[in-house]
Amino acid sequence: MKTLFTTVLGTAVFSAFFGVANASPNLVVNGGFESPAISPPYALNMNPTGWTGLGDLVVQGYAGAVSSGDGNQWLDLNPGVGPGTGMSQSITLSAGQTYQFSFLYNGGGGGSTTQIAYSIGPSLSGSVSTASLNVYGGSPWAIFSTKFSPTVSDAETLNFMPNGAWSGGFIDAVNVSAVPEPKTYAMLLAGLGLMGFIVSRKKLA
């Protein structure tokens, strides 16, 4: 009976743990810019699946570029060598929920400095600088990550806008996901604690 109880409890805790781990899917469609799949080395003026706007899709490793480590493609915000038009998509958020927003970024092929501006509706806005980052010069990708909480439940526009003259900067692995509530972690820890207590009692018996 003890073995059966322990097995059932262990299964429940295991399920709870992986339920927490998988409870927050990425709300961004095609955040890694893997679709459409392109032939090496790059494709100019593309409209990635799920996004509005034009950018250049680049295959990892092109011209000795440092890989972002996410999939096989990334996005150059500059279409061709003209002014950047930006890239956006709509995501639905819930008021009061905390979200984690993150993305990888790097500088243009010419080593030029640009600002990559980002925003999610009225809830979040800012920019990152690609100064000292040159993906073709061996610079590793940088990561931007922050948390925010929208005040209204609504569909918000996630937007990236470049302002570089030659290159708009590179982005990859764009992610917006809900942060699990503290009570979810509390329940998980309580389950793990109970499991540990039962295992300890069993060893003493």
N, C-alpha and C. Protein backbone atom coordinates (compact mmCIF):
# COMPACT_ATOMS: atom_id res chain seq x y z
N MET A 1 0.83 -1.20 0.00
CA MET A 1 0.00 0.00 0.00
C MET A 1 0.87 1.26 0.00
N LYS A 2 1.93 1.24 0.84
CA LYS A 2 2.82 2.39 0.89
C LYS A 2 3.46 2.63 -0.47
N THR A 3 3.87 1.50 -1.11
CA THR A 3 4.51 1.63 -2.42
C THR A 3 3.56 2.23 -3.43
N LEU A 4 2.30 1.78 -3.40
CA LEU A 4 1.31 2.31 -4.32
C LEU A 4 1.06 3.79 -4.07
N PHE A 5 0.95 4.17 -2.77
CA PHE A 5 0.70 5.57 -2.42
C PHE A 5 1.86 6.46 -2.86
N THR A 6 3.08 5.94 -2.61
CA THR A 6 4.27 6.70 -2.99
C THR A 6 4.35 6.88 -4.51
N THR A 7 4.00 5.82 -5.22
CA THR A 7 4.03 5.89 -6.69
C THR A 7 3.02 6.89 -7.22
N VAL A 8 1.81 6.83 -6.66
CA VAL A 8 0.76 7.75 -7.10
C VAL A 8 1.14 9.19 -6.79
N LEU A 9 1.66 9.45 -5.56
CA LEU A 9 2.06 10.79 -5.17
C LEU A 9 3.21 11.28 -6.04
N GLY A 10 4.17 10.37 -6.28
CA GLY A 10 5.31 10.74 -7.10
C GLY A 10 4.88 11.12 -8.51
N THR A 11 3.93 10.38 -9.04
CA THR A 11 3.42 10.68 -10.37
C THR A 11 2.74 12.05 -10.39
N ALA A 12 1.99 12.34 -9.31
CA ALA A 12 1.30 13.62 -9.22
C ALA A 12 2.28 14.79 -9.15
N VAL A 13 3.33 14.62 -8.34
CA VAL A 13 4.33 15.67 -8.22
C VAL A 13 5.07 15.86 -9.53
N PHE A 14 5.40 14.74 -10.19
CA PHE A 14 6.08 14.80 -11.49
C PHE A 14 5.22 15.55 -12.50
N SER A 15 3.93 15.23 -12.52
CA SER A 15 3.01 15.88 -13.46
C SER A 15 2.89 17.37 -13.14
N ALA A 16 2.85 17.70 -11.83
CA ALA A 16 2.73 19.10 -11.43
C ALA A 16 3.96 19.88 -11.85
N PHE A 17 5.14 19.25 -11.67
CA PHE A 17 6.38 19.94 -12.02
C PHE A 17 6.43 20.26 -13.50
N PHE A 18 6.16 19.26 -14.34
CA PHE A 18 6.23 19.49 -15.77
C PHE A 18 5.05 20.30 -16.26
N GLY A 19 3.97 20.29 -15.50
CA GLY A 19 2.85 21.15 -15.83
C GLY A 19 3.23 22.60 -15.66
N VAL A 20 3.96 22.90 -14.58
CA VAL A 20 4.45 24.27 -14.35
C VAL A 20 5.45 24.66 -15.43
N ALA A 21 6.34 23.72 -15.76
CA ALA A 21 7.37 24.01 -16.75
C ALA A 21 6.77 24.31 -18.13
N ASN A 22 5.64 23.67 -18.43
CA ASN A 22 5.05 23.83 -19.75
C ASN A 22 3.79 24.68 -19.74
N ALA A 23 3.51 25.35 -18.61
CA ALA A 23 2.26 26.09 -18.48
C ALA A 23 2.30 27.43 -19.17
N SER A 24 3.46 27.87 -19.60
CA SER A 24 3.59 29.21 -20.18
C SER A 24 4.19 29.15 -21.57
N PRO A 25 3.39 28.83 -22.57
CA PRO A 25 3.92 28.78 -23.93
C PRO A 25 4.25 30.17 -24.46
N ASN A 26 5.10 30.21 -25.45
CA ASN A 26 5.46 31.47 -26.08
C ASN A 26 4.25 32.01 -26.86
N LEU A 27 3.85 33.24 -26.55
CA LEU A 27 2.71 33.85 -27.24
C LEU A 27 3.08 34.40 -28.61
N VAL A 28 4.37 34.47 -28.89
CA VAL A 28 4.85 35.01 -30.16
C VAL A 28 4.89 33.91 -31.21
N VAL A 29 4.25 34.14 -32.33
CA VAL A 29 4.26 33.20 -33.44
C VAL A 29 5.57 33.37 -34.22
N ASN A 30 6.26 32.24 -34.43
CA ASN A 30 7.50 32.26 -35.21
C ASN A 30 8.53 33.23 -34.63
N GLY A 31 8.70 33.16 -33.30
CA GLY A 31 9.65 34.05 -32.64
C GLY A 31 11.09 33.78 -33.01
N GLY A 32 11.38 32.60 -33.56
CA GLY A 32 12.74 32.27 -33.98
C GLY A 32 12.97 32.51 -35.46
N PHE A 33 11.96 33.00 -36.17
CA PHE A 33 12.06 33.33 -37.60
C PHE A 33 12.50 32.14 -38.44
N GLU A 34 11.96 30.97 -38.09
CA GLU A 34 12.30 29.75 -38.83
C GLU A 34 11.38 29.52 -40.02
N SER A 35 10.31 30.30 -40.13
CA SER A 35 9.36 30.13 -41.22
C SER A 35 9.13 31.47 -41.92
N PRO A 36 9.23 31.48 -43.25
CA PRO A 36 9.51 30.32 -44.11
C PRO A 36 10.99 29.93 -44.07
N ALA A 37 11.24 28.64 -44.26
CA ALA A 37 12.62 28.17 -44.33
C ALA A 37 13.22 28.65 -45.64
N ILE A 38 14.41 29.19 -45.58
CA ILE A 38 15.05 29.73 -46.78
C ILE A 38 16.30 28.94 -47.12
N SER A 39 16.76 29.11 -48.32
CA SER A 39 18.00 28.47 -48.75
C SER A 39 19.16 29.38 -48.38
N PRO A 40 20.29 28.82 -47.93
CA PRO A 40 21.44 29.65 -47.57
C PRO A 40 21.89 30.49 -48.77
N PRO A 41 22.48 31.69 -48.52
CA PRO A 41 22.83 32.20 -47.19
C PRO A 41 21.78 33.13 -46.58
N TYR A 42 20.91 33.73 -47.42
CA TYR A 42 19.92 34.67 -46.90
C TYR A 42 18.83 34.89 -47.95
N ALA A 43 17.76 35.57 -47.52
CA ALA A 43 16.67 35.94 -48.43
C ALA A 43 16.26 37.37 -48.08
N LEU A 44 16.28 38.24 -49.06
CA LEU A 44 16.02 39.65 -48.83
C LEU A 44 14.53 39.98 -48.88
N ASN A 45 14.16 41.02 -48.14
CA ASN A 45 12.80 41.56 -48.15
C ASN A 45 11.73 40.48 -47.95
N MET A 46 11.86 39.76 -46.86
CA MET A 46 10.93 38.68 -46.55
C MET A 46 9.89 39.13 -45.53
N ASN A 47 8.74 38.49 -45.59
CA ASN A 47 7.69 38.70 -44.59
C ASN A 47 7.56 37.41 -43.79
N PRO A 48 8.24 37.30 -42.63
CA PRO A 48 8.22 36.05 -41.86
C PRO A 48 6.80 35.67 -41.44
N THR A 49 6.54 34.39 -41.37
CA THR A 49 5.24 33.88 -40.95
C THR A 49 4.84 34.45 -39.60
N GLY A 50 3.61 34.97 -39.51
CA GLY A 50 3.10 35.50 -38.25
C GLY A 50 3.41 36.96 -38.01
N TRP A 51 4.29 37.55 -38.82
CA TRP A 51 4.73 38.92 -38.61
C TRP A 51 4.22 39.84 -39.72
N THR A 52 4.12 41.11 -39.42
CA THR A 52 3.81 42.14 -40.41
C THR A 52 5.06 42.99 -40.59
N GLY A 53 5.48 43.15 -41.84
CA GLY A 53 6.69 43.92 -42.11
C GLY A 53 7.65 43.14 -42.97
N LEU A 54 8.71 43.80 -43.40
CA LEU A 54 9.72 43.17 -44.23
C LEU A 54 11.07 43.18 -43.54
N GLY A 55 11.82 42.11 -43.70
CA GLY A 55 13.16 42.02 -43.15
C GLY A 55 13.93 40.98 -43.93
N ASP A 56 15.21 40.87 -43.68
CA ASP A 56 16.05 39.88 -44.35
C ASP A 56 16.24 38.67 -43.45
N LEU A 57 15.88 37.49 -43.92
CA LEU A 57 16.12 36.27 -43.17
C LEU A 57 17.52 35.78 -43.52
N VAL A 58 18.29 35.47 -42.47
CA VAL A 58 19.68 35.06 -42.65
C VAL A 58 19.88 33.68 -42.04
N VAL A 59 20.60 32.82 -42.73
CA VAL A 59 20.88 31.48 -42.23
C VAL A 59 22.07 31.55 -41.28
N GLN A 60 21.97 30.84 -40.16
CA GLN A 60 23.02 30.84 -39.16
C GLN A 60 24.36 30.48 -39.78
N GLY A 61 25.40 31.21 -39.39
CA GLY A 61 26.75 30.91 -39.84
C GLY A 61 27.14 31.59 -41.13
N TYR A 62 26.25 32.38 -41.71
CA TYR A 62 26.57 33.06 -42.97
C TYR A 62 27.79 33.97 -42.79
N ALA A 63 28.74 33.85 -43.70
CA ALA A 63 29.95 34.69 -43.72
C ALA A 63 30.68 34.66 -42.38
N GLY A 64 30.65 33.52 -41.72
CA GLY A 64 31.37 33.38 -40.46
C GLY A 64 30.67 34.02 -39.28
N ALA A 65 29.40 34.37 -39.45
CA ALA A 65 28.66 35.02 -38.35
C ALA A 65 28.53 34.09 -37.16
N VAL A 66 28.52 34.69 -35.98
CA VAL A 66 28.34 33.93 -34.75
C VAL A 66 26.88 33.47 -34.67
N SER A 67 26.68 32.20 -34.41
CA SER A 67 25.32 31.66 -34.32
C SER A 67 24.63 32.19 -33.07
N SER A 68 23.33 32.44 -33.19
CA SER A 68 22.56 32.88 -32.02
C SER A 68 22.25 31.70 -31.11
N GLY A 69 22.37 30.48 -31.65
CA GLY A 69 22.06 29.30 -30.86
C GLY A 69 20.60 28.95 -30.84
N ASP A 70 19.80 29.69 -31.62
CA ASP A 70 18.37 29.43 -31.66
C ASP A 70 17.95 29.10 -33.09
N GLY A 71 17.70 27.83 -33.35
CA GLY A 71 17.24 27.43 -34.68
C GLY A 71 18.28 27.65 -35.76
N ASN A 72 17.80 27.84 -36.99
CA ASN A 72 18.69 27.91 -38.13
C ASN A 72 18.69 29.27 -38.82
N GLN A 73 17.76 30.16 -38.41
CA GLN A 73 17.65 31.46 -39.07
C GLN A 73 17.48 32.58 -38.06
N TRP A 74 17.86 33.80 -38.47
CA TRP A 74 17.56 34.97 -37.67
C TRP A 74 17.04 36.06 -38.61
N LEU A 75 16.63 37.20 -38.03
CA LEU A 75 16.08 38.29 -38.83
C LEU A 75 16.95 39.52 -38.77
N ASP A 76 17.27 40.08 -39.94
CA ASP A 76 17.88 41.39 -40.04
C ASP A 76 16.73 42.36 -40.25
N LEU A 77 16.55 43.31 -39.33
CA LEU A 77 15.42 44.23 -39.40
C LEU A 77 15.46 45.14 -40.62
N ASN A 78 16.63 45.22 -41.27
CA ASN A 78 16.76 46.05 -42.45
C ASN A 78 16.44 45.23 -43.70
N PRO A 79 15.41 45.57 -44.48
CA PRO A 79 15.18 44.85 -45.72
C PRO A 79 16.15 45.28 -46.79
N GLY A 80 16.94 44.36 -47.31
CA GLY A 80 17.97 44.72 -48.29
C GLY A 80 18.99 45.63 -47.62
N VAL A 81 19.28 46.76 -48.24
CA VAL A 81 20.17 47.75 -47.62
C VAL A 81 19.45 49.09 -47.52
N GLY A 82 18.12 49.04 -47.50
CA GLY A 82 17.33 50.26 -47.38
C GLY A 82 16.92 50.52 -45.96
N PRO A 83 16.15 51.57 -45.74
CA PRO A 83 15.68 51.89 -44.38
C PRO A 83 14.82 50.77 -43.81
N GLY A 84 14.95 50.52 -42.53
CA GLY A 84 14.16 49.48 -41.90
C GLY A 84 12.69 49.88 -41.77
N THR A 85 11.80 48.92 -42.02
CA THR A 85 10.37 49.20 -41.91
C THR A 85 9.78 48.73 -40.59
N GLY A 86 10.54 47.94 -39.86
CA GLY A 86 10.03 47.42 -38.60
C GLY A 86 9.33 46.09 -38.78
N MET A 87 9.03 45.42 -37.67
CA MET A 87 8.39 44.11 -37.68
C MET A 87 7.44 44.05 -36.50
N SER A 88 6.22 43.59 -36.73
CA SER A 88 5.23 43.59 -35.64
C SER A 88 4.28 42.41 -35.76
N GLN A 89 3.61 42.10 -34.65
CA GLN A 89 2.52 41.14 -34.64
C GLN A 89 1.66 41.37 -33.40
N SER A 90 0.43 40.90 -33.45
CA SER A 90 -0.51 41.10 -32.36
C SER A 90 -0.50 39.90 -31.42
N ILE A 91 -0.43 40.18 -30.11
CA ILE A 91 -0.50 39.12 -29.09
C ILE A 91 -1.55 39.52 -28.06
N THR A 92 -2.25 38.54 -27.52
CA THR A 92 -3.32 38.81 -26.56
C THR A 92 -2.79 38.63 -25.13
N LEU A 93 -2.95 39.67 -24.31
CA LEU A 93 -2.45 39.67 -22.94
C LEU A 93 -3.60 39.84 -21.95
N SER A 94 -3.37 39.43 -20.71
CA SER A 94 -4.38 39.54 -19.65
C SER A 94 -3.94 40.57 -18.62
N ALA A 95 -4.85 41.41 -18.20
CA ALA A 95 -4.55 42.44 -17.21
C ALA A 95 -4.11 41.81 -15.89
N GLY A 96 -3.07 42.38 -15.28
CA GLY A 96 -2.60 41.91 -13.98
C GLY A 96 -1.67 40.72 -14.04
N GLN A 97 -1.61 40.03 -15.15
CA GLN A 97 -0.71 38.89 -15.32
C GLN A 97 0.71 39.41 -15.59
N THR A 98 1.69 38.78 -14.97
CA THR A 98 3.08 39.15 -15.23
C THR A 98 3.61 38.33 -16.40
N TYR A 99 4.28 39.02 -17.32
CA TYR A 99 4.83 38.36 -18.50
C TYR A 99 6.34 38.57 -18.56
N GLN A 100 7.03 37.58 -19.11
CA GLN A 100 8.46 37.68 -19.37
C GLN A 100 8.64 37.95 -20.86
N PHE A 101 9.37 39.02 -21.19
CA PHE A 101 9.64 39.38 -22.57
C PHE A 101 11.14 39.31 -22.79
N SER A 102 11.56 38.60 -23.83
CA SER A 102 12.99 38.48 -24.09
C SER A 102 13.26 38.30 -25.58
N PHE A 103 14.47 38.65 -25.98
CA PHE A 103 14.92 38.40 -27.35
C PHE A 103 16.44 38.50 -27.41
N LEU A 104 17.03 37.86 -28.41
CA LEU A 104 18.46 37.95 -28.67
C LEU A 104 18.69 39.03 -29.71
N TYR A 105 19.83 39.72 -29.63
CA TYR A 105 20.12 40.75 -30.61
C TYR A 105 21.62 40.88 -30.87
N ASN A 106 21.94 41.42 -32.03
CA ASN A 106 23.33 41.64 -32.40
C ASN A 106 23.40 42.78 -33.40
N GLY A 107 24.63 43.21 -33.72
CA GLY A 107 24.81 44.35 -34.60
C GLY A 107 24.78 43.98 -36.06
N GLY A 108 24.82 44.99 -36.90
CA GLY A 108 24.78 44.80 -38.34
C GLY A 108 26.07 44.23 -38.89
N GLY A 109 25.97 43.77 -40.13
CA GLY A 109 27.12 43.14 -40.76
C GLY A 109 28.31 44.06 -40.91
N GLY A 110 28.06 45.36 -41.02
CA GLY A 110 29.17 46.28 -41.19
C GLY A 110 29.74 46.77 -39.87
N GLY A 111 29.24 46.23 -38.77
CA GLY A 111 29.72 46.64 -37.47
C GLY A 111 29.17 47.99 -37.06
N SER A 112 28.16 48.47 -37.79
CA SER A 112 27.59 49.77 -37.48
C SER A 112 26.74 49.71 -36.22
N THR A 113 26.61 50.84 -35.56
CA THR A 113 25.81 50.91 -34.33
C THR A 113 24.39 51.36 -34.68
N THR A 114 23.44 50.69 -34.11
CA THR A 114 22.05 51.07 -34.30
C THR A 114 21.29 50.86 -33.00
N GLN A 115 20.12 51.43 -32.93
CA GLN A 115 19.23 51.21 -31.81
C GLN A 115 18.07 50.34 -32.30
N ILE A 116 17.78 49.28 -31.58
CA ILE A 116 16.62 48.45 -31.88
C ILE A 116 15.54 48.82 -30.87
N ALA A 117 14.52 49.50 -31.34
CA ALA A 117 13.43 49.90 -30.45
C ALA A 117 12.40 48.78 -30.38
N TYR A 118 11.85 48.55 -29.19
CA TYR A 118 10.83 47.53 -29.00
C TYR A 118 9.66 48.13 -28.22
N SER A 119 8.49 47.57 -28.42
CA SER A 119 7.33 47.99 -27.64
C SER A 119 6.28 46.88 -27.66
N ILE A 120 5.49 46.82 -26.59
CA ILE A 120 4.34 45.92 -26.53
C ILE A 120 3.16 46.79 -26.10
N GLY A 121 2.39 47.27 -27.09
CA GLY A 121 1.28 48.16 -26.80
C GLY A 121 1.74 49.32 -25.93
N PRO A 122 0.87 49.77 -25.02
CA PRO A 122 1.25 50.86 -24.12
C PRO A 122 1.95 50.35 -22.86
N SER A 123 2.07 49.02 -22.73
CA SER A 123 2.59 48.45 -21.49
C SER A 123 4.10 48.50 -21.35
N LEU A 124 4.81 48.46 -22.48
CA LEU A 124 6.27 48.34 -22.41
C LEU A 124 6.91 48.96 -23.64
N SER A 125 7.99 49.70 -23.45
CA SER A 125 8.72 50.24 -24.59
C SER A 125 10.15 50.55 -24.15
N GLY A 126 11.06 50.59 -25.11
CA GLY A 126 12.45 50.89 -24.83
C GLY A 126 13.29 50.57 -26.05
N SER A 127 14.59 50.50 -25.87
CA SER A 127 15.48 50.18 -26.97
C SER A 127 16.77 49.58 -26.44
N VAL A 128 17.47 48.86 -27.31
CA VAL A 128 18.79 48.32 -26.99
C VAL A 128 19.76 48.82 -28.06
N SER A 129 21.00 49.01 -27.67
CA SER A 129 22.03 49.48 -28.58
C SER A 129 22.91 48.32 -29.03
N THR A 130 23.25 48.32 -30.32
CA THR A 130 24.15 47.29 -30.82
C THR A 130 25.60 47.76 -30.85
N ALA A 131 25.90 48.83 -30.14
CA ALA A 131 27.27 49.32 -30.07
C ALA A 131 28.19 48.21 -29.57
N SER A 132 29.31 48.04 -30.24
CA SER A 132 30.35 47.05 -29.93
C SER A 132 29.93 45.62 -30.29
N LEU A 133 28.73 45.46 -30.89
CA LEU A 133 28.30 44.13 -31.31
C LEU A 133 28.39 44.02 -32.83
N ASN A 134 29.13 43.04 -33.31
CA ASN A 134 29.26 42.80 -34.75
C ASN A 134 29.24 41.30 -34.96
N VAL A 135 28.09 40.79 -35.38
CA VAL A 135 27.91 39.35 -35.49
C VAL A 135 28.92 38.72 -36.45
N TYR A 136 29.36 39.47 -37.47
CA TYR A 136 30.33 38.93 -38.41
C TYR A 136 31.76 39.13 -37.93
N GLY A 137 31.90 39.91 -36.87
CA GLY A 137 33.23 40.12 -36.31
C GLY A 137 33.50 39.27 -35.09
N GLY A 138 32.59 38.34 -34.81
CA GLY A 138 32.80 37.41 -33.70
C GLY A 138 32.11 37.79 -32.41
N SER A 139 31.31 38.86 -32.43
CA SER A 139 30.62 39.26 -31.19
C SER A 139 29.48 38.29 -30.86
N PRO A 140 29.46 37.77 -29.66
CA PRO A 140 28.34 36.89 -29.27
C PRO A 140 27.04 37.69 -29.21
N TRP A 141 25.93 37.00 -29.33
CA TRP A 141 24.64 37.63 -29.23
C TRP A 141 24.36 38.07 -27.80
N ALA A 142 23.73 39.21 -27.66
CA ALA A 142 23.30 39.69 -26.34
C ALA A 142 21.84 39.32 -26.14
N ILE A 143 21.42 39.27 -24.89
CA ILE A 143 20.02 38.95 -24.60
C ILE A 143 19.39 40.10 -23.82
N PHE A 144 18.19 40.46 -24.23
CA PHE A 144 17.40 41.43 -23.48
C PHE A 144 16.25 40.67 -22.84
N SER A 145 15.99 40.94 -21.56
CA SER A 145 14.91 40.26 -20.86
C SER A 145 14.35 41.16 -19.78
N THR A 146 13.04 41.22 -19.69
CA THR A 146 12.39 42.02 -18.66
C THR A 146 11.00 41.46 -18.39
N LYS A 147 10.42 41.89 -17.28
CA LYS A 147 9.06 41.49 -16.94
C LYS A 147 8.15 42.72 -16.97
N PHE A 148 6.89 42.50 -17.30
CA PHE A 148 5.93 43.60 -17.31
C PHE A 148 4.54 43.05 -17.06
N SER A 149 3.63 43.93 -16.65
CA SER A 149 2.24 43.54 -16.38
C SER A 149 1.31 44.55 -17.06
N PRO A 150 0.51 44.12 -18.05
CA PRO A 150 -0.43 45.03 -18.69
C PRO A 150 -1.56 45.41 -17.75
N THR A 151 -2.12 46.57 -17.96
CA THR A 151 -3.21 47.05 -17.10
C THR A 151 -4.58 46.70 -17.65
N VAL A 152 -4.64 46.29 -18.91
CA VAL A 152 -5.91 45.90 -19.51
C VAL A 152 -5.74 44.58 -20.25
N SER A 153 -6.82 43.82 -20.36
CA SER A 153 -6.82 42.59 -21.14
C SER A 153 -7.18 42.95 -22.57
N ASP A 154 -6.25 42.74 -23.47
CA ASP A 154 -6.48 43.20 -24.83
C ASP A 154 -5.42 42.60 -25.75
N ALA A 155 -5.67 42.72 -27.05
CA ALA A 155 -4.67 42.35 -28.05
C ALA A 155 -3.71 43.53 -28.20
N GLU A 156 -2.44 43.30 -27.93
CA GLU A 156 -1.44 44.36 -28.01
C GLU A 156 -0.50 44.09 -29.18
N THR A 157 0.09 45.14 -29.71
CA THR A 157 1.03 44.99 -30.82
C THR A 157 2.45 44.92 -30.31
N LEU A 158 3.12 43.80 -30.58
CA LEU A 158 4.54 43.66 -30.32
C LEU A 158 5.28 44.22 -31.52
N ASN A 159 6.17 45.17 -31.30
CA ASN A 159 6.80 45.87 -32.42
C ASN A 159 8.30 46.03 -32.22
N PHE A 160 9.06 45.83 -33.29
CA PHE A 160 10.49 46.12 -33.33
C PHE A 160 10.72 47.14 -34.44
N MET A 161 11.50 48.17 -34.14
CA MET A 161 11.76 49.21 -35.12
C MET A 161 13.24 49.59 -35.11
N PRO A 162 13.93 49.49 -36.25
CA PRO A 162 15.34 49.87 -36.32
C PRO A 162 15.50 51.33 -36.72
N ASN A 163 16.67 51.89 -36.46
CA ASN A 163 16.93 53.23 -36.97
C ASN A 163 18.34 53.37 -37.54
N GLY A 164 18.97 52.22 -37.82
CA GLY A 164 20.30 52.26 -38.41
C GLY A 164 20.25 52.58 -39.89
N ALA A 165 21.29 53.24 -40.40
CA ALA A 165 21.31 53.64 -41.80
C ALA A 165 21.64 52.46 -42.72
N TRP A 166 22.57 51.60 -42.28
CA TRP A 166 23.00 50.50 -43.15
C TRP A 166 22.34 49.19 -42.76
N SER A 167 22.21 48.96 -41.48
CA SER A 167 21.59 47.73 -41.01
C SER A 167 20.70 48.03 -39.82
N GLY A 168 19.60 47.33 -39.75
CA GLY A 168 18.65 47.59 -38.67
C GLY A 168 18.91 46.78 -37.42
N GLY A 169 19.98 45.99 -37.41
CA GLY A 169 20.23 45.14 -36.27
C GLY A 169 19.56 43.79 -36.45
N PHE A 170 20.08 42.77 -35.78
CA PHE A 170 19.59 41.41 -35.91
C PHE A 170 18.85 41.00 -34.64
N ILE A 171 17.74 40.27 -34.79
CA ILE A 171 17.01 39.74 -33.64
C ILE A 171 16.67 38.28 -33.86
N ASP A 172 16.47 37.57 -32.76
CA ASP A 172 16.13 36.15 -32.81
C ASP A 172 15.52 35.76 -31.47
N ALA A 173 14.89 34.60 -31.44
CA ALA A 173 14.34 34.02 -30.20
C ALA A 173 13.45 34.99 -29.43
N VAL A 174 12.53 35.64 -30.13
CA VAL A 174 11.61 36.57 -29.48
C VAL A 174 10.57 35.78 -28.68
N ASN A 175 10.42 36.13 -27.41
CA ASN A 175 9.54 35.35 -26.53
C ASN A 175 8.74 36.25 -25.60
N VAL A 176 7.44 36.00 -25.52
CA VAL A 176 6.58 36.62 -24.52
C VAL A 176 5.78 35.48 -23.89
N SER A 177 5.97 35.26 -22.61
CA SER A 177 5.28 34.16 -21.94
C SER A 177 4.86 34.56 -20.54
N ALA A 178 3.75 34.01 -20.09
CA ALA A 178 3.22 34.32 -18.76
C ALA A 178 4.11 33.72 -17.69
N VAL A 179 4.34 34.46 -16.62
CA VAL A 179 5.12 33.98 -15.48
C VAL A 179 4.16 33.26 -14.54
N PRO A 180 4.43 31.99 -14.19
CA PRO A 180 3.53 31.26 -13.29
C PRO A 180 3.30 32.00 -11.99
N GLU A 181 2.07 31.92 -11.48
CA GLU A 181 1.74 32.58 -10.22
C GLU A 181 2.52 31.94 -9.07
N PRO A 182 2.87 32.72 -8.03
CA PRO A 182 3.60 32.17 -6.87
C PRO A 182 2.92 30.97 -6.23
N LYS A 183 1.57 30.96 -6.22
CA LYS A 183 0.86 29.85 -5.57
C LYS A 183 1.11 28.54 -6.29
N THR A 184 1.40 28.62 -7.61
CA THR A 184 1.69 27.40 -8.37
C THR A 184 3.00 26.79 -7.90
N TYR A 185 3.99 27.65 -7.69
CA TYR A 185 5.27 27.15 -7.17
C TYR A 185 5.11 26.65 -5.74
N ALA A 186 4.28 27.31 -4.95
CA ALA A 186 4.06 26.89 -3.57
C ALA A 186 3.47 25.49 -3.51
N MET A 187 2.51 25.23 -4.39
CA MET A 187 1.90 23.90 -4.44
C MET A 187 2.93 22.85 -4.85
N LEU A 188 3.78 23.20 -5.80
CA LEU A 188 4.81 22.27 -6.24
C LEU A 188 5.79 21.97 -5.12
N LEU A 189 6.24 23.01 -4.42
CA LEU A 189 7.19 22.81 -3.33
C LEU A 189 6.58 21.99 -2.20
N ALA A 190 5.29 22.24 -1.93
CA ALA A 190 4.61 21.47 -0.89
C ALA A 190 4.56 19.99 -1.27
N GLY A 191 4.28 19.72 -2.55
CA GLY A 191 4.24 18.34 -3.02
C GLY A 191 5.59 17.67 -2.93
N LEU A 192 6.64 18.40 -3.31
CA LEU A 192 7.99 17.85 -3.22
C LEU A 192 8.39 17.59 -1.77
N GLY A 193 7.99 18.51 -0.88
CA GLY A 193 8.29 18.34 0.54
C GLY A 193 7.61 17.10 1.11
N LEU A 194 6.35 16.91 0.74
CA LEU A 194 5.61 15.74 1.21
C LEU A 194 6.24 14.46 0.69
N MET A 195 6.67 14.50 -0.56
CA MET A 195 7.32 13.34 -1.16
C MET A 195 8.60 13.01 -0.40
N GLY A 196 9.39 14.05 -0.08
CA GLY A 196 10.63 13.83 0.66
C GLY A 196 10.37 13.27 2.05
N PHE A 197 9.29 13.76 2.70
CA PHE A 197 8.93 13.27 4.03
C PHE A 197 8.59 11.78 3.99
N ILE A 198 7.82 11.38 2.99
CA ILE A 198 7.41 9.97 2.88
C ILE A 198 8.61 9.09 2.61
N VAL A 199 9.51 9.56 1.74
CA VAL A 199 10.71 8.77 1.45
C VAL A 199 11.56 8.62 2.72
N SER A 200 11.68 9.70 3.52
CA SER A 200 12.46 9.64 4.76
C SER A 200 11.84 8.66 5.74
N ARG A 201 10.51 8.68 5.89
CA ARG A 201 9.83 7.75 6.81
C ARG A 201 10.04 6.32 6.37
N LYS A 202 10.03 6.11 5.05
CA LYS A 202 10.19 4.77 4.53
C LYS A 202 11.58 4.22 4.85
N LYS A 203 12.61 5.12 4.79
CA LYS A 203 13.97 4.69 5.10
C LYS A 203 14.13 4.34 6.57
N LEU A 204 13.39 5.06 7.43
CA LEU A 204 13.49 4.82 8.87
C LEU A 204 12.74 3.57 9.30
N ALA A 205 11.74 3.17 8.50
CA ALA A 205 10.91 2.01 8.85
C ALA A 205 11.70 0.71 8.74
